[in-house]
Amino acid sequence: MDQEDAAILSRAGNWAVVHMPGRRFPGIQLQGDTFAGLRAQLAAATRSLHARLGDLDALDDLDNAVQEMDAILAFYEQTLAERGFERPCQSEGFCGLM
């Protein structure tokens, strides 16, 4: 196992913005259970929509997952701005919240 020091730039709940040595841009660290929960929510919604297009519960699951990911992305972008990092992408369609 390699051991390196990474700078924790900011934490919020089950995620953090971390800058690893040798990397230009910081990354987002999610707790494994948070990531697994998001994945399960997306997978369940996908299965439901494949079975029944227009399933409102599935659409709610997707909306909730997107909202949580939007919160993580907003936290990430705020931390970058506060710490003087440029965003890894400038396109609103990729990094920015839509």
C-alpha atoms as a PDB file:
ATOM      1  CA  MET A   1       0.000   0.000   0.000  1.00  0.00           C
ATOM      2  CA  ASP A   2       1.337   3.418  -0.993  1.00  0.00           C
ATOM      3  CA  GLN A   3       1.177   6.142   1.586  1.00  0.00           C
ATOM      4  CA  GLU A   4       0.985   9.769   0.512  1.00  0.00           C
ATOM      5  CA  ASP A   5      -0.228  12.935   2.161  1.00  0.00           C
ATOM      6  CA  ALA A   6      -3.265  14.565   0.573  1.00  0.00           C
ATOM      7  CA  ALA A   7      -4.577  17.982   1.557  1.00  0.00           C
ATOM      8  CA  ILE A   8      -8.181  17.987   2.743  1.00  0.00           C
ATOM      9  CA  LEU A   9      -9.390  21.372   1.517  1.00  0.00           C
ATOM     10  CA  SER A  10     -12.912  21.184   2.906  1.00  0.00           C
ATOM     11  CA  ARG A  11     -15.402  18.686   4.352  1.00  0.00           C
ATOM     12  CA  ALA A  12     -19.177  18.557   4.396  1.00  0.00           C
ATOM     13  CA  GLY A  13     -21.187  15.601   5.613  1.00  0.00           C
ATOM     14  CA  ASN A  14     -20.113  12.460   3.772  1.00  0.00           C
ATOM     15  CA  TRP A  15     -17.883  14.121   1.189  1.00  0.00           C
ATOM     16  CA  ALA A  16     -14.713  16.203   1.039  1.00  0.00           C
ATOM     17  CA  VAL A  17     -12.613  18.094  -1.472  1.00  0.00           C
ATOM     18  CA  VAL A  18      -9.115  16.594  -1.460  1.00  0.00           C
ATOM     19  CA  HIS A  19      -5.972  17.688  -3.302  1.00  0.00           C
ATOM     20  CA  MET A  20      -3.667  14.757  -4.009  1.00  0.00           C
ATOM     21  CA  PRO A  21       0.066  15.237  -4.628  1.00  0.00           C
ATOM     22  CA  GLY A  22       0.977  15.494  -8.288  1.00  0.00           C
ATOM     23  CA  ARG A  23      -2.540  16.371  -9.423  1.00  0.00           C
ATOM     24  CA  ARG A  24      -3.390  19.768 -10.874  1.00  0.00           C
ATOM     25  CA  PHE A  25      -6.983  19.798  -9.642  1.00  0.00           C
ATOM     26  CA  PRO A  26      -8.509  18.629  -6.358  1.00  0.00           C
ATOM     27  CA  GLY A  27     -10.937  15.734  -6.365  1.00  0.00           C
ATOM     28  CA  ILE A  28     -14.146  14.839  -4.594  1.00  0.00           C
ATOM     29  CA  GLN A  29     -13.979  12.113  -1.974  1.00  0.00           C
ATOM     30  CA  LEU A  30     -17.256  10.374  -1.151  1.00  0.00           C
ATOM     31  CA  GLN A  31     -17.791   7.921   1.647  1.00  0.00           C
ATOM     32  CA  GLY A  32     -18.319   4.463   0.184  1.00  0.00           C
ATOM     33  CA  ASP A  33     -21.807   4.101   1.614  1.00  0.00           C
ATOM     34  CA  THR A  34     -22.831   7.472   0.141  1.00  0.00           C
ATOM     35  CA  PHE A  35     -21.544   6.443  -3.284  1.00  0.00           C
ATOM     36  CA  ALA A  36     -23.250   3.042  -3.003  1.00  0.00           C
ATOM     37  CA  GLY A  37     -26.517   4.744  -2.021  1.00  0.00           C
ATOM     38  CA  LEU A  38     -26.383   7.075  -5.025  1.00  0.00           C
ATOM     39  CA  ARG A  39     -25.604   4.150  -7.315  1.00  0.00           C
ATOM     40  CA  ALA A  40     -28.472   2.088  -5.877  1.00  0.00           C
ATOM     41  CA  GLN A  41     -30.890   5.001  -6.304  1.00  0.00           C
ATOM     42  CA  LEU A  42     -29.861   5.481  -9.951  1.00  0.00           C
ATOM     43  CA  ALA A  43     -29.963   1.737 -10.688  1.00  0.00           C
ATOM     44  CA  ALA A  44     -33.438   1.331  -9.166  1.00  0.00           C
ATOM     45  CA  ALA A  45     -34.769   4.291 -11.122  1.00  0.00           C
ATOM     46  CA  THR A  46     -33.263   2.938 -14.337  1.00  0.00           C
ATOM     47  CA  ARG A  47     -34.833  -0.486 -13.800  1.00  0.00           C
ATOM     48  CA  SER A  48     -38.221   1.095 -13.079  1.00  0.00           C
ATOM     49  CA  LEU A  49     -38.106   3.307 -16.141  1.00  0.00           C
ATOM     50  CA  HIS A  50     -37.158   0.351 -18.338  1.00  0.00           C
ATOM     51  CA  ALA A  51     -40.121  -1.577 -16.944  1.00  0.00           C
ATOM     52  CA  ARG A  52     -42.607   1.296 -17.020  1.00  0.00           C
ATOM     53  CA  LEU A  53     -41.854   4.547 -18.770  1.00  0.00           C
ATOM     54  CA  GLY A  54     -43.233   7.464 -16.796  1.00  0.00           C
ATOM     55  CA  ASP A  55     -42.849   5.796 -13.375  1.00  0.00           C
ATOM     56  CA  LEU A  56     -43.123   8.808 -11.043  1.00  0.00           C
ATOM     57  CA  ASP A  57     -41.243   7.093  -8.190  1.00  0.00           C
ATOM     58  CA  ALA A  58     -38.351   6.351 -10.529  1.00  0.00           C
ATOM     59  CA  LEU A  59     -38.329   9.944 -11.708  1.00  0.00           C
ATOM     60  CA  ASP A  60     -38.291  11.104  -8.067  1.00  0.00           C
ATOM     61  CA  ASP A  61     -35.324   8.801  -7.382  1.00  0.00           C
ATOM     62  CA  LEU A  62     -33.470  10.297 -10.332  1.00  0.00           C
ATOM     63  CA  ASP A  63     -34.322  13.838  -9.225  1.00  0.00           C
ATOM     64  CA  ASN A  64     -33.053  13.096  -5.693  1.00  0.00           C
ATOM     65  CA  ALA A  65     -29.793  11.605  -6.965  1.00  0.00           C
ATOM     66  CA  VAL A  66     -29.209  14.578  -9.273  1.00  0.00           C
ATOM     67  CA  GLN A  67     -29.956  17.003  -6.417  1.00  0.00           C
ATOM     68  CA  GLU A  68     -27.406  15.294  -4.172  1.00  0.00           C
ATOM     69  CA  MET A  69     -24.818  15.319  -6.957  1.00  0.00           C
ATOM     70  CA  ASP A  70     -25.595  19.022  -7.599  1.00  0.00           C
ATOM     71  CA  ALA A  71     -24.962  19.766  -3.898  1.00  0.00           C
ATOM     72  CA  ILE A  72     -21.629  17.918  -4.041  1.00  0.00           C
ATOM     73  CA  LEU A  73     -20.617  19.751  -7.227  1.00  0.00           C
ATOM     74  CA  ALA A  74     -21.605  23.147  -5.794  1.00  0.00           C
ATOM     75  CA  PHE A  75     -19.565  22.413  -2.651  1.00  0.00           C
ATOM     76  CA  TYR A  76     -16.608  21.368  -4.826  1.00  0.00           C
ATOM     77  CA  GLU A  77     -16.770  24.513  -6.965  1.00  0.00           C
ATOM     78  CA  GLN A  78     -17.153  26.755  -3.905  1.00  0.00           C
ATOM     79  CA  THR A  79     -14.105  25.135  -2.269  1.00  0.00           C
ATOM     80  CA  LEU A  80     -12.043  25.587  -5.448  1.00  0.00           C
ATOM     81  CA  ALA A  81     -12.978  29.269  -5.607  1.00  0.00           C
ATOM     82  CA  GLU A  82     -12.200  29.836  -1.911  1.00  0.00           C
ATOM     83  CA  ARG A  83      -8.805  28.107  -2.249  1.00  0.00           C
ATOM     84  CA  GLY A  84      -7.798  29.863  -5.468  1.00  0.00           C
ATOM     85  CA  PHE A  85      -8.032  26.852  -7.800  1.00  0.00           C
ATOM     86  CA  GLU A  86      -9.453  27.207 -11.280  1.00  0.00           C
ATOM     87  CA  ARG A  87     -12.188  24.779 -12.229  1.00  0.00           C
ATOM     88  CA  PRO A  88     -10.975  21.709 -14.134  1.00  0.00           C
ATOM     89  CA  CYS A  89     -13.393  22.601 -16.918  1.00  0.00           C
ATOM     90  CA  GLN A  90     -14.862  25.876 -17.967  1.00  0.00           C
ATOM     91  CA  SER A  91     -17.863  24.583 -19.932  1.00  0.00           C
ATOM     92  CA  GLU A  92     -21.142  25.159 -18.112  1.00  0.00           C
ATOM     93  CA  GLY A  93     -22.535  21.929 -19.550  1.00  0.00           C
ATOM     94  CA  PHE A  94     -19.818  19.825 -17.944  1.00  0.00           C
ATOM     95  CA  CYS A  95     -18.760  21.340 -14.612  1.00  0.00           C
ATOM     96  CA  GLY A  96     -21.391  23.948 -13.997  1.00  0.00           C
ATOM     97  CA  LEU A  97     -24.786  23.218 -12.579  1.00  0.00           C
ATOM     98  CA  MET A  98     -27.444  23.112 -15.237  1.00  0.00           C
END
